[in-house]
N, C-alpha and C. Protein backbone atom coordinates (compact mmCIF):
# COMPACT_ATOMS: atom_id res chain seq x y z
N MET A 1 0.83 -1.15 -0.02
CA MET A 1 -0.04 -0.05 -0.04
C MET A 1 0.79 1.32 0.04
N ARG A 2 1.82 1.20 0.80
CA ARG A 2 2.79 2.46 0.84
C ARG A 2 3.46 2.72 -0.49
N GLY A 3 3.80 1.69 -1.33
CA GLY A 3 4.37 1.97 -2.65
C GLY A 3 3.28 2.60 -3.61
N THR A 4 2.03 2.17 -3.46
CA THR A 4 0.99 2.70 -4.22
C THR A 4 0.70 4.17 -3.91
N LYS A 5 0.79 4.59 -2.72
CA LYS A 5 0.59 5.91 -2.23
C LYS A 5 1.69 6.77 -2.88
N MET A 6 2.91 6.23 -2.96
CA MET A 6 3.99 7.05 -3.53
C MET A 6 3.92 7.19 -5.09
N MET A 7 3.40 6.07 -5.63
CA MET A 7 3.28 6.05 -7.12
C MET A 7 2.25 7.00 -7.65
N VAL A 8 1.14 7.29 -6.85
CA VAL A 8 0.11 8.08 -7.44
C VAL A 8 0.58 9.50 -7.61
N PRO A 9 1.17 10.23 -6.71
CA PRO A 9 1.58 11.54 -7.03
C PRO A 9 2.65 11.67 -8.09
N SER A 10 3.59 10.63 -8.23
CA SER A 10 4.49 10.66 -9.25
C SER A 10 3.99 10.47 -10.53
N LEU A 11 2.97 9.45 -10.67
CA LEU A 11 2.27 9.18 -11.87
C LEU A 11 1.43 10.48 -12.26
N ALA A 12 0.73 11.00 -11.38
CA ALA A 12 -0.16 12.12 -11.69
C ALA A 12 0.65 13.34 -12.28
N LEU A 13 1.88 13.57 -11.65
CA LEU A 13 2.75 14.59 -12.05
C LEU A 13 3.23 14.34 -13.44
N ALA A 14 3.71 13.12 -13.68
CA ALA A 14 4.15 12.70 -14.96
C ALA A 14 3.16 12.86 -16.02
N LEU A 15 2.02 12.54 -15.79
CA LEU A 15 0.81 12.49 -16.80
C LEU A 15 0.22 13.90 -17.01
N SER A 16 0.46 14.83 -16.16
CA SER A 16 -0.27 16.15 -16.18
C SER A 16 0.04 16.90 -17.44
N GLY A 17 1.31 17.01 -17.98
CA GLY A 17 1.64 17.67 -19.13
C GLY A 17 1.50 19.00 -19.03
N CYS A 18 2.22 19.77 -19.95
CA CYS A 18 2.11 21.21 -19.97
C CYS A 18 2.06 21.62 -21.42
N ALA A 19 1.69 22.75 -21.62
CA ALA A 19 1.55 23.38 -22.92
C ALA A 19 2.82 23.98 -23.42
N ILE A 20 3.67 23.02 -23.81
CA ILE A 20 4.99 23.30 -24.36
C ILE A 20 5.18 22.71 -25.65
N PHE A 21 5.88 23.33 -26.54
CA PHE A 21 6.00 22.82 -27.84
C PHE A 21 7.17 21.79 -27.94
N TYR A 22 6.96 20.64 -28.51
CA TYR A 22 7.87 19.64 -28.77
C TYR A 22 8.00 19.39 -30.27
N PRO A 23 9.06 19.06 -30.74
CA PRO A 23 9.11 18.66 -32.08
C PRO A 23 8.08 17.42 -32.44
N PRO A 24 7.71 17.31 -33.61
CA PRO A 24 6.81 16.15 -33.90
C PRO A 24 7.47 14.96 -33.74
N LEU A 25 6.72 13.83 -33.29
CA LEU A 25 7.22 12.62 -33.02
C LEU A 25 6.51 11.59 -33.89
N ASP A 26 7.21 11.09 -34.92
CA ASP A 26 6.44 10.13 -35.80
C ASP A 26 6.23 8.78 -35.09
N VAL A 27 5.09 8.24 -35.46
CA VAL A 27 4.62 6.92 -35.06
C VAL A 27 4.74 5.91 -36.15
N VAL A 28 4.62 4.73 -35.88
CA VAL A 28 4.45 3.75 -36.96
C VAL A 28 3.12 3.89 -37.90
N ASP A 29 3.14 3.47 -38.98
CA ASP A 29 1.99 3.77 -39.99
C ASP A 29 0.85 3.00 -39.61
N ASP A 30 0.90 1.76 -39.01
CA ASP A 30 -0.27 0.93 -38.66
C ASP A 30 0.13 -0.13 -37.60
N VAL A 31 -0.76 -0.28 -36.66
CA VAL A 31 -0.55 -1.22 -35.59
C VAL A 31 -1.83 -2.03 -35.53
N ASP A 32 -1.73 -3.39 -35.87
CA ASP A 32 -2.89 -4.33 -35.56
C ASP A 32 -2.88 -4.62 -34.14
N LEU A 33 -3.92 -4.08 -33.45
CA LEU A 33 -3.92 -4.21 -32.05
C LEU A 33 -4.07 -5.65 -31.55
N ALA A 34 -4.68 -6.53 -32.43
CA ALA A 34 -4.86 -7.93 -32.06
C ALA A 34 -3.47 -8.61 -32.11
N ARG A 35 -2.59 -8.16 -33.00
CA ARG A 35 -1.30 -8.85 -33.04
C ARG A 35 -0.31 -8.16 -31.85
N TYR A 36 -0.60 -6.93 -31.58
CA TYR A 36 0.12 -6.17 -30.60
C TYR A 36 -0.26 -6.76 -29.14
N ALA A 37 -1.41 -7.20 -29.00
CA ALA A 37 -1.87 -7.73 -27.65
C ALA A 37 -0.98 -8.93 -27.26
N GLY A 38 -0.92 -9.25 -25.95
CA GLY A 38 -0.08 -10.36 -25.42
C GLY A 38 1.01 -9.67 -24.61
N LYS A 39 1.83 -10.56 -24.27
CA LYS A 39 2.94 -10.17 -23.21
C LYS A 39 4.12 -9.60 -23.85
N TRP A 40 4.64 -8.49 -23.28
CA TRP A 40 5.93 -7.95 -23.66
C TRP A 40 6.85 -7.79 -22.51
N TYR A 41 8.10 -8.00 -22.83
CA TYR A 41 9.18 -7.80 -21.72
C TYR A 41 9.83 -6.47 -22.00
N GLU A 42 10.07 -5.68 -20.92
CA GLU A 42 10.83 -4.48 -20.93
C GLU A 42 12.29 -4.84 -21.14
N ILE A 43 12.90 -4.39 -22.22
CA ILE A 43 14.37 -4.63 -22.32
C ILE A 43 15.13 -3.44 -21.88
N ALA A 44 14.61 -2.26 -22.00
CA ALA A 44 15.29 -1.06 -21.57
C ALA A 44 14.30 0.05 -21.43
N SER A 45 14.52 1.10 -20.67
CA SER A 45 13.78 2.31 -20.53
C SER A 45 14.50 3.35 -19.96
N TYR A 46 13.81 4.52 -20.08
CA TYR A 46 14.21 5.76 -19.36
C TYR A 46 13.75 5.59 -17.90
N PRO A 47 14.56 5.83 -16.87
CA PRO A 47 14.23 5.69 -15.56
C PRO A 47 12.98 6.53 -15.20
N THR A 48 12.06 6.07 -14.47
CA THR A 48 10.80 6.62 -14.06
C THR A 48 10.65 6.44 -12.60
N PRO A 49 10.13 7.48 -11.95
CA PRO A 49 9.74 7.28 -10.52
C PRO A 49 8.70 6.13 -10.19
N PHE A 50 7.82 5.86 -11.12
CA PHE A 50 6.70 4.83 -10.93
C PHE A 50 7.34 3.47 -11.19
N GLN A 51 8.57 3.33 -11.75
CA GLN A 51 9.09 1.93 -11.90
C GLN A 51 10.44 1.88 -11.10
N ALA A 52 10.59 2.73 -10.22
CA ALA A 52 11.89 2.55 -9.36
C ALA A 52 12.00 1.22 -8.75
N GLY A 53 13.21 0.65 -8.82
CA GLY A 53 13.54 -0.66 -8.27
C GLY A 53 12.94 -1.79 -8.90
N CYS A 54 12.33 -1.67 -10.12
CA CYS A 54 11.78 -2.80 -10.79
C CYS A 54 12.74 -3.53 -11.58
N THR A 55 12.61 -4.94 -11.52
CA THR A 55 13.31 -5.86 -12.41
C THR A 55 12.23 -6.74 -13.00
N ALA A 56 12.60 -7.46 -13.99
CA ALA A 56 11.81 -8.48 -14.67
C ALA A 56 10.33 -7.79 -15.01
N THR A 57 10.46 -6.75 -15.54
CA THR A 57 9.28 -5.81 -15.90
C THR A 57 8.59 -6.34 -17.08
N THR A 58 7.26 -6.58 -17.13
CA THR A 58 6.47 -7.01 -18.30
C THR A 58 5.16 -6.12 -18.36
N ALA A 59 4.70 -6.11 -19.60
CA ALA A 59 3.41 -5.50 -19.78
C ALA A 59 2.52 -6.59 -20.58
N GLU A 60 1.33 -6.73 -20.16
CA GLU A 60 0.47 -7.50 -20.88
C GLU A 60 -0.75 -6.75 -21.37
N TYR A 61 -1.06 -6.81 -22.65
CA TYR A 61 -2.16 -6.05 -23.26
C TYR A 61 -3.19 -7.09 -23.69
N THR A 62 -4.51 -6.90 -23.32
CA THR A 62 -5.62 -7.67 -23.76
C THR A 62 -6.59 -6.68 -24.28
N LEU A 63 -7.16 -7.10 -25.52
CA LEU A 63 -8.38 -6.41 -26.18
C LEU A 63 -9.54 -6.63 -25.34
N ARG A 64 -10.33 -5.55 -25.17
CA ARG A 64 -11.51 -5.72 -24.41
C ARG A 64 -12.70 -5.51 -25.42
N ASP A 65 -13.91 -6.14 -25.07
CA ASP A 65 -15.01 -6.02 -26.02
C ASP A 65 -15.48 -4.49 -26.27
N ASP A 66 -15.21 -3.54 -25.39
CA ASP A 66 -15.55 -2.26 -25.53
C ASP A 66 -14.57 -1.46 -26.37
N GLY A 67 -13.52 -2.06 -27.00
CA GLY A 67 -12.54 -1.51 -27.84
C GLY A 67 -11.37 -0.94 -27.10
N ARG A 68 -11.35 -1.06 -25.87
CA ARG A 68 -10.24 -0.49 -25.00
C ARG A 68 -9.27 -1.76 -24.86
N VAL A 69 -8.14 -1.39 -24.40
CA VAL A 69 -7.14 -2.36 -24.29
C VAL A 69 -6.84 -2.50 -22.71
N MET A 70 -6.94 -3.74 -22.08
CA MET A 70 -6.53 -3.81 -20.66
C MET A 70 -5.16 -3.99 -20.58
N VAL A 71 -4.46 -3.26 -19.65
CA VAL A 71 -3.07 -3.19 -19.33
C VAL A 71 -2.75 -3.64 -18.04
N VAL A 72 -1.81 -4.64 -17.96
CA VAL A 72 -1.43 -5.19 -16.64
C VAL A 72 0.10 -5.09 -16.69
N ASN A 73 0.69 -4.23 -16.00
CA ASN A 73 2.18 -4.01 -15.86
C ASN A 73 2.59 -4.78 -14.47
N THR A 74 3.73 -5.57 -14.69
CA THR A 74 4.11 -6.28 -13.49
C THR A 74 5.74 -6.14 -13.49
N CYS A 75 6.14 -6.24 -12.18
CA CYS A 75 7.63 -6.28 -12.07
C CYS A 75 7.94 -6.90 -10.74
N ARG A 76 9.20 -7.23 -10.41
CA ARG A 76 9.60 -7.65 -9.13
C ARG A 76 10.43 -6.51 -8.56
N GLY A 77 10.21 -6.23 -7.40
CA GLY A 77 10.83 -5.23 -6.58
C GLY A 77 12.26 -5.57 -6.20
N GLY A 78 13.14 -4.84 -6.55
CA GLY A 78 14.61 -5.01 -6.12
C GLY A 78 15.45 -6.11 -6.70
N SER A 79 14.83 -7.16 -7.06
CA SER A 79 15.70 -8.42 -7.58
C SER A 79 14.78 -9.29 -8.37
N LEU A 80 15.32 -10.26 -9.14
CA LEU A 80 14.45 -11.08 -9.83
C LEU A 80 13.70 -11.97 -8.99
N ASP A 81 14.00 -12.21 -7.76
CA ASP A 81 13.12 -12.94 -6.76
C ASP A 81 12.47 -12.05 -5.76
N GLY A 82 12.51 -10.78 -5.99
CA GLY A 82 11.78 -9.84 -5.17
C GLY A 82 10.34 -9.93 -5.18
N PRO A 83 9.64 -9.19 -4.34
CA PRO A 83 8.08 -9.22 -4.38
C PRO A 83 7.55 -8.73 -5.67
N VAL A 84 6.51 -9.36 -6.11
CA VAL A 84 5.63 -9.02 -7.33
C VAL A 84 5.05 -7.59 -7.16
N ARG A 85 5.23 -6.79 -7.97
CA ARG A 85 4.39 -5.52 -7.96
C ARG A 85 3.61 -5.55 -9.27
N ARG A 86 2.31 -5.22 -9.16
CA ARG A 86 1.40 -5.25 -10.27
C ARG A 86 0.53 -4.08 -10.19
N ILE A 87 0.24 -3.54 -11.42
CA ILE A 87 -0.77 -2.43 -11.59
C ILE A 87 -1.58 -2.66 -12.86
N GLN A 88 -2.78 -2.41 -12.66
CA GLN A 88 -3.69 -2.69 -13.84
C GLN A 88 -4.37 -1.32 -14.30
N GLY A 89 -4.53 -1.20 -15.58
CA GLY A 89 -5.11 0.04 -16.21
C GLY A 89 -5.78 -0.31 -17.47
N SER A 90 -6.04 0.81 -18.21
CA SER A 90 -6.66 0.50 -19.59
C SER A 90 -6.14 1.55 -20.59
N ALA A 91 -6.26 1.27 -21.77
CA ALA A 91 -5.72 2.20 -22.80
C ALA A 91 -6.91 2.32 -23.74
N ARG A 92 -6.98 3.50 -24.33
CA ARG A 92 -7.91 3.72 -25.55
C ARG A 92 -7.09 4.27 -26.71
N VAL A 93 -7.55 3.83 -27.93
CA VAL A 93 -6.92 4.42 -29.07
C VAL A 93 -7.17 5.89 -29.13
N ALA A 94 -6.08 6.76 -29.43
CA ALA A 94 -6.27 8.12 -29.47
C ALA A 94 -6.23 8.57 -31.03
N ASP A 95 -5.72 7.73 -31.87
CA ASP A 95 -5.67 7.96 -33.28
C ASP A 95 -5.97 6.77 -34.09
N ALA A 96 -7.19 6.60 -34.47
CA ALA A 96 -7.73 5.42 -35.11
C ALA A 96 -7.12 5.22 -36.54
N SER A 97 -6.52 6.27 -37.11
CA SER A 97 -5.94 6.15 -38.48
C SER A 97 -4.79 5.24 -38.48
N THR A 98 -4.04 5.09 -37.26
CA THR A 98 -2.86 4.22 -37.24
C THR A 98 -2.87 3.24 -36.07
N ASN A 99 -3.85 3.48 -35.09
CA ASN A 99 -3.69 2.77 -33.80
C ASN A 99 -2.47 2.84 -33.14
N ALA A 100 -1.46 3.66 -33.52
CA ALA A 100 -0.21 3.78 -32.84
C ALA A 100 -0.07 4.75 -31.73
N LYS A 101 -1.14 5.56 -31.59
CA LYS A 101 -1.16 6.60 -30.49
C LYS A 101 -2.33 6.10 -29.54
N LEU A 102 -1.88 5.87 -28.43
CA LEU A 102 -2.88 5.41 -27.34
C LEU A 102 -2.78 6.35 -26.11
N LYS A 103 -3.93 6.30 -25.29
CA LYS A 103 -3.86 7.11 -24.05
C LYS A 103 -4.00 6.00 -22.95
N VAL A 104 -3.16 5.91 -22.13
CA VAL A 104 -3.19 4.89 -21.03
C VAL A 104 -3.52 5.56 -19.58
N SER A 105 -4.32 4.90 -18.79
CA SER A 105 -4.68 5.34 -17.58
C SER A 105 -4.67 4.31 -16.51
N PHE A 106 -3.91 4.54 -15.43
CA PHE A 106 -3.87 3.73 -14.28
C PHE A 106 -4.59 4.22 -13.16
N PHE A 107 -4.71 5.58 -13.12
CA PHE A 107 -5.52 6.34 -12.08
C PHE A 107 -6.43 7.41 -12.78
N PRO A 108 -7.60 6.85 -13.24
CA PRO A 108 -8.52 7.92 -13.83
C PRO A 108 -8.87 9.10 -12.97
N PRO A 109 -8.94 10.27 -13.49
CA PRO A 109 -9.03 10.54 -14.94
C PRO A 109 -7.71 10.72 -15.62
N PHE A 110 -6.68 10.68 -14.92
CA PHE A 110 -5.26 10.96 -15.46
C PHE A 110 -5.03 9.94 -16.69
N GLU A 111 -4.51 10.44 -17.81
CA GLU A 111 -4.15 9.69 -18.89
C GLU A 111 -2.69 10.01 -19.27
N GLY A 112 -1.99 9.10 -19.95
CA GLY A 112 -0.61 9.35 -20.35
C GLY A 112 -0.53 8.94 -21.86
N ASP A 113 0.36 9.49 -22.64
CA ASP A 113 0.47 9.17 -23.94
C ASP A 113 1.33 7.78 -24.00
N TYR A 114 0.95 6.97 -24.88
CA TYR A 114 1.65 5.86 -25.30
C TYR A 114 1.78 5.66 -26.74
N TRP A 115 2.94 6.11 -27.33
CA TRP A 115 2.99 6.27 -28.76
C TRP A 115 4.10 5.11 -29.31
N ILE A 116 3.62 4.33 -30.29
CA ILE A 116 4.39 3.21 -30.66
C ILE A 116 5.14 3.88 -31.86
N ILE A 117 6.53 4.06 -31.53
CA ILE A 117 7.31 4.83 -32.56
C ILE A 117 8.17 3.87 -33.46
N GLU A 118 8.32 2.62 -33.05
CA GLU A 118 9.01 1.50 -33.81
C GLU A 118 8.33 0.25 -33.57
N LEU A 119 8.09 -0.57 -34.57
CA LEU A 119 7.44 -1.90 -34.35
C LEU A 119 8.24 -2.81 -35.40
N GLY A 120 8.72 -3.90 -34.76
CA GLY A 120 9.33 -4.91 -35.69
C GLY A 120 8.30 -5.51 -36.71
N GLU A 121 8.71 -5.83 -37.80
CA GLU A 121 7.98 -6.40 -38.78
C GLU A 121 7.01 -7.51 -38.39
N ASP A 122 7.51 -8.37 -37.43
CA ASP A 122 6.70 -9.52 -37.02
C ASP A 122 6.27 -9.24 -35.52
N TYR A 123 6.21 -7.98 -35.15
CA TYR A 123 5.81 -7.62 -33.79
C TYR A 123 6.66 -8.38 -32.73
N GLU A 124 7.98 -8.38 -33.18
CA GLU A 124 8.95 -9.17 -32.11
C GLU A 124 9.55 -8.10 -31.29
N TYR A 125 9.50 -6.89 -31.57
CA TYR A 125 9.98 -5.77 -30.67
C TYR A 125 9.08 -4.41 -30.91
N ALA A 126 9.06 -3.59 -29.94
CA ALA A 126 8.42 -2.33 -30.13
C ALA A 126 9.05 -1.24 -29.28
N VAL A 127 9.03 -0.02 -29.83
CA VAL A 127 9.68 1.02 -29.17
C VAL A 127 8.55 2.04 -28.90
N VAL A 128 8.44 2.38 -27.64
CA VAL A 128 7.24 3.25 -27.16
C VAL A 128 7.82 4.47 -26.62
N GLY A 129 7.20 5.67 -26.92
CA GLY A 129 7.64 6.76 -26.37
C GLY A 129 6.42 7.88 -26.19
N VAL A 130 6.82 8.97 -25.78
CA VAL A 130 5.81 10.05 -25.55
C VAL A 130 6.26 11.46 -26.35
N PRO A 131 5.43 12.32 -26.70
CA PRO A 131 5.73 13.51 -27.60
C PRO A 131 6.77 14.36 -26.80
N ASN A 132 6.89 14.48 -25.44
CA ASN A 132 7.89 15.40 -24.87
C ASN A 132 9.25 14.56 -24.64
N ARG A 133 9.33 13.31 -25.11
CA ARG A 133 10.60 12.61 -24.96
C ARG A 133 10.99 12.18 -23.53
N ALA A 134 10.07 12.39 -22.61
CA ALA A 134 10.39 12.15 -21.24
C ALA A 134 10.47 10.64 -20.79
N PHE A 135 9.78 9.84 -21.65
CA PHE A 135 9.67 8.38 -21.36
C PHE A 135 9.91 7.69 -22.62
N LEU A 136 10.65 6.55 -22.39
CA LEU A 136 10.92 5.61 -23.60
C LEU A 136 11.15 4.24 -23.10
N TRP A 137 10.44 3.32 -23.82
CA TRP A 137 10.57 1.83 -23.61
C TRP A 137 10.84 1.03 -24.69
N ILE A 138 11.82 0.24 -24.64
CA ILE A 138 12.07 -0.79 -25.68
C ILE A 138 11.53 -2.28 -25.14
N LEU A 139 10.59 -2.77 -25.80
CA LEU A 139 9.87 -3.96 -25.42
C LEU A 139 10.22 -5.03 -26.43
N SER A 140 10.17 -6.25 -25.93
CA SER A 140 10.36 -7.39 -26.73
C SER A 140 9.37 -8.55 -26.37
N ARG A 141 9.15 -9.40 -27.23
CA ARG A 141 8.27 -10.54 -26.87
C ARG A 141 8.94 -11.61 -26.12
N THR A 142 10.30 -11.46 -26.06
CA THR A 142 11.01 -12.51 -25.32
C THR A 142 11.90 -11.68 -24.16
N PRO A 143 12.34 -12.33 -23.15
CA PRO A 143 13.15 -11.61 -22.12
C PRO A 143 14.44 -10.97 -22.61
N THR A 144 14.89 -11.44 -23.75
CA THR A 144 16.08 -10.86 -24.40
C THR A 144 15.73 -10.38 -25.82
N LEU A 145 16.47 -9.43 -26.24
CA LEU A 145 16.40 -8.92 -27.59
C LEU A 145 17.74 -8.99 -28.30
N ASP A 146 17.77 -9.59 -29.40
CA ASP A 146 19.03 -9.81 -30.24
C ASP A 146 19.90 -8.42 -30.00
N GLU A 147 21.17 -8.55 -29.73
CA GLU A 147 21.92 -7.44 -29.50
C GLU A 147 22.07 -6.49 -30.81
N ALA A 148 22.10 -7.09 -31.88
CA ALA A 148 22.24 -6.38 -33.09
C ALA A 148 20.96 -5.55 -33.37
N VAL A 149 19.75 -6.07 -33.09
CA VAL A 149 18.48 -5.37 -33.15
C VAL A 149 18.57 -4.26 -32.13
N TYR A 150 19.04 -4.58 -30.98
CA TYR A 150 18.97 -3.54 -29.94
C TYR A 150 19.83 -2.34 -30.28
N GLN A 151 21.05 -2.62 -30.72
CA GLN A 151 22.07 -1.51 -31.11
C GLN A 151 21.44 -0.76 -32.35
N SER A 152 20.80 -1.47 -33.24
CA SER A 152 20.08 -0.85 -34.40
C SER A 152 19.12 0.25 -33.89
N ILE A 153 18.34 -0.28 -33.02
CA ILE A 153 17.30 0.73 -32.28
C ILE A 153 18.02 1.96 -31.73
N LEU A 154 19.08 1.72 -30.96
CA LEU A 154 19.78 2.80 -30.35
C LEU A 154 20.26 3.81 -31.24
N GLU A 155 20.86 3.25 -32.50
CA GLU A 155 21.31 4.16 -33.55
C GLU A 155 20.39 5.11 -34.16
N ARG A 156 18.91 4.65 -34.20
CA ARG A 156 17.97 5.42 -34.77
C ARG A 156 17.27 6.52 -33.77
N LEU A 157 17.48 6.24 -32.50
CA LEU A 157 16.83 7.12 -31.47
C LEU A 157 17.19 8.61 -31.56
N PRO A 158 18.37 8.97 -31.88
CA PRO A 158 18.67 10.32 -32.15
C PRO A 158 17.83 11.10 -33.22
N GLU A 159 17.61 10.29 -34.22
CA GLU A 159 16.66 10.81 -35.20
C GLU A 159 15.30 11.14 -34.74
N LYS A 160 14.90 10.48 -33.71
CA LYS A 160 13.60 10.88 -33.12
C LYS A 160 13.78 11.79 -31.85
N GLU A 161 14.90 12.39 -31.71
CA GLU A 161 15.31 13.26 -30.59
C GLU A 161 15.24 12.61 -29.29
N TYR A 162 15.52 11.34 -29.22
CA TYR A 162 15.78 10.61 -27.97
C TYR A 162 17.13 10.43 -27.67
N ASP A 163 17.71 10.52 -26.43
CA ASP A 163 19.05 10.24 -26.11
C ASP A 163 19.21 8.91 -25.61
N PRO A 164 19.87 8.00 -26.43
CA PRO A 164 20.05 6.63 -25.99
C PRO A 164 20.92 6.38 -24.73
N ALA A 165 21.72 7.27 -24.42
CA ALA A 165 22.51 7.30 -23.16
C ALA A 165 21.68 7.28 -21.96
N LEU A 166 20.52 7.65 -22.01
CA LEU A 166 19.60 7.79 -20.95
C LEU A 166 18.98 6.44 -20.62
N LEU A 167 18.94 5.43 -21.51
CA LEU A 167 18.40 4.11 -21.36
C LEU A 167 19.00 3.31 -20.38
N VAL A 168 18.32 2.63 -19.59
CA VAL A 168 18.99 1.75 -18.60
C VAL A 168 18.29 0.34 -18.93
N ARG A 169 19.17 -0.70 -19.06
CA ARG A 169 18.62 -2.05 -19.43
C ARG A 169 17.86 -2.58 -18.13
N THR A 170 16.93 -3.37 -18.47
CA THR A 170 16.06 -3.94 -17.47
C THR A 170 16.52 -5.39 -17.22
N LEU A 171 16.76 -5.69 -16.09
CA LEU A 171 17.22 -7.14 -15.73
C LEU A 171 15.96 -8.01 -15.83
N GLN A 172 16.15 -9.13 -16.71
CA GLN A 172 15.16 -9.99 -16.92
C GLN A 172 15.62 -11.46 -16.66
N PRO A 173 14.76 -12.29 -16.15
CA PRO A 173 15.27 -13.67 -15.91
C PRO A 173 15.71 -14.31 -17.30
N THR A 174 16.60 -15.31 -17.25
CA THR A 174 16.89 -15.95 -18.48
C THR A 174 16.06 -17.28 -18.48
N GLU A 175 15.62 -17.58 -19.62
CA GLU A 175 14.72 -18.74 -19.67
C GLU A 175 15.36 -19.90 -20.14
C-alpha cells in the first residue's frame, strides 16, 4: 500500500503535461492491436519514479469488448526474486488512423501518452515513447532482444530526438 501511495503523486505529475512545444514525434504507420496484444518484456527504459526498483518488468495487453485495451504491468521489486508488484489500467486508441497513439490510464481521470514509434515487422519488438521525450521503453516478445537489433534501435533514437545514453537495461530472468 505504501508503494501505491508514492506512485500516485509521481504518476499524476508525470501525466499532467504542460502546454510546451515539442518537435513532432512520428509513429508507425499501422498497428494491428490484435497482433500487438499479449505479453511484452521490457528490455530497456528511461528511468521513471513509478518504476523505481523494478526488475523483470513485463506488460500484458488484452483487447476488451468495448474497444479498449486492458493493461497489466508487472515487475519484481529490487531483484529477480523480489516481491511482485502489479498495476492494472486501460488504454484507448487516440488516433484510429494508425492505432499507434494510445492514451493509458492507471489512475482515472489521468491519462498518459503511449506512442508506438517503432515496431518490428513480425511484432517481435516495439519502441514506445511520448511526445515530450520524457519516457521511452524498448519492449520485446522475449526476455532478451538480439543485440544487433537493440544496437540498431539505439542508432535510430537520435533521429527521433531521444538520447540513447539515458536508457537503462532492465534485468530479466533467463529462460
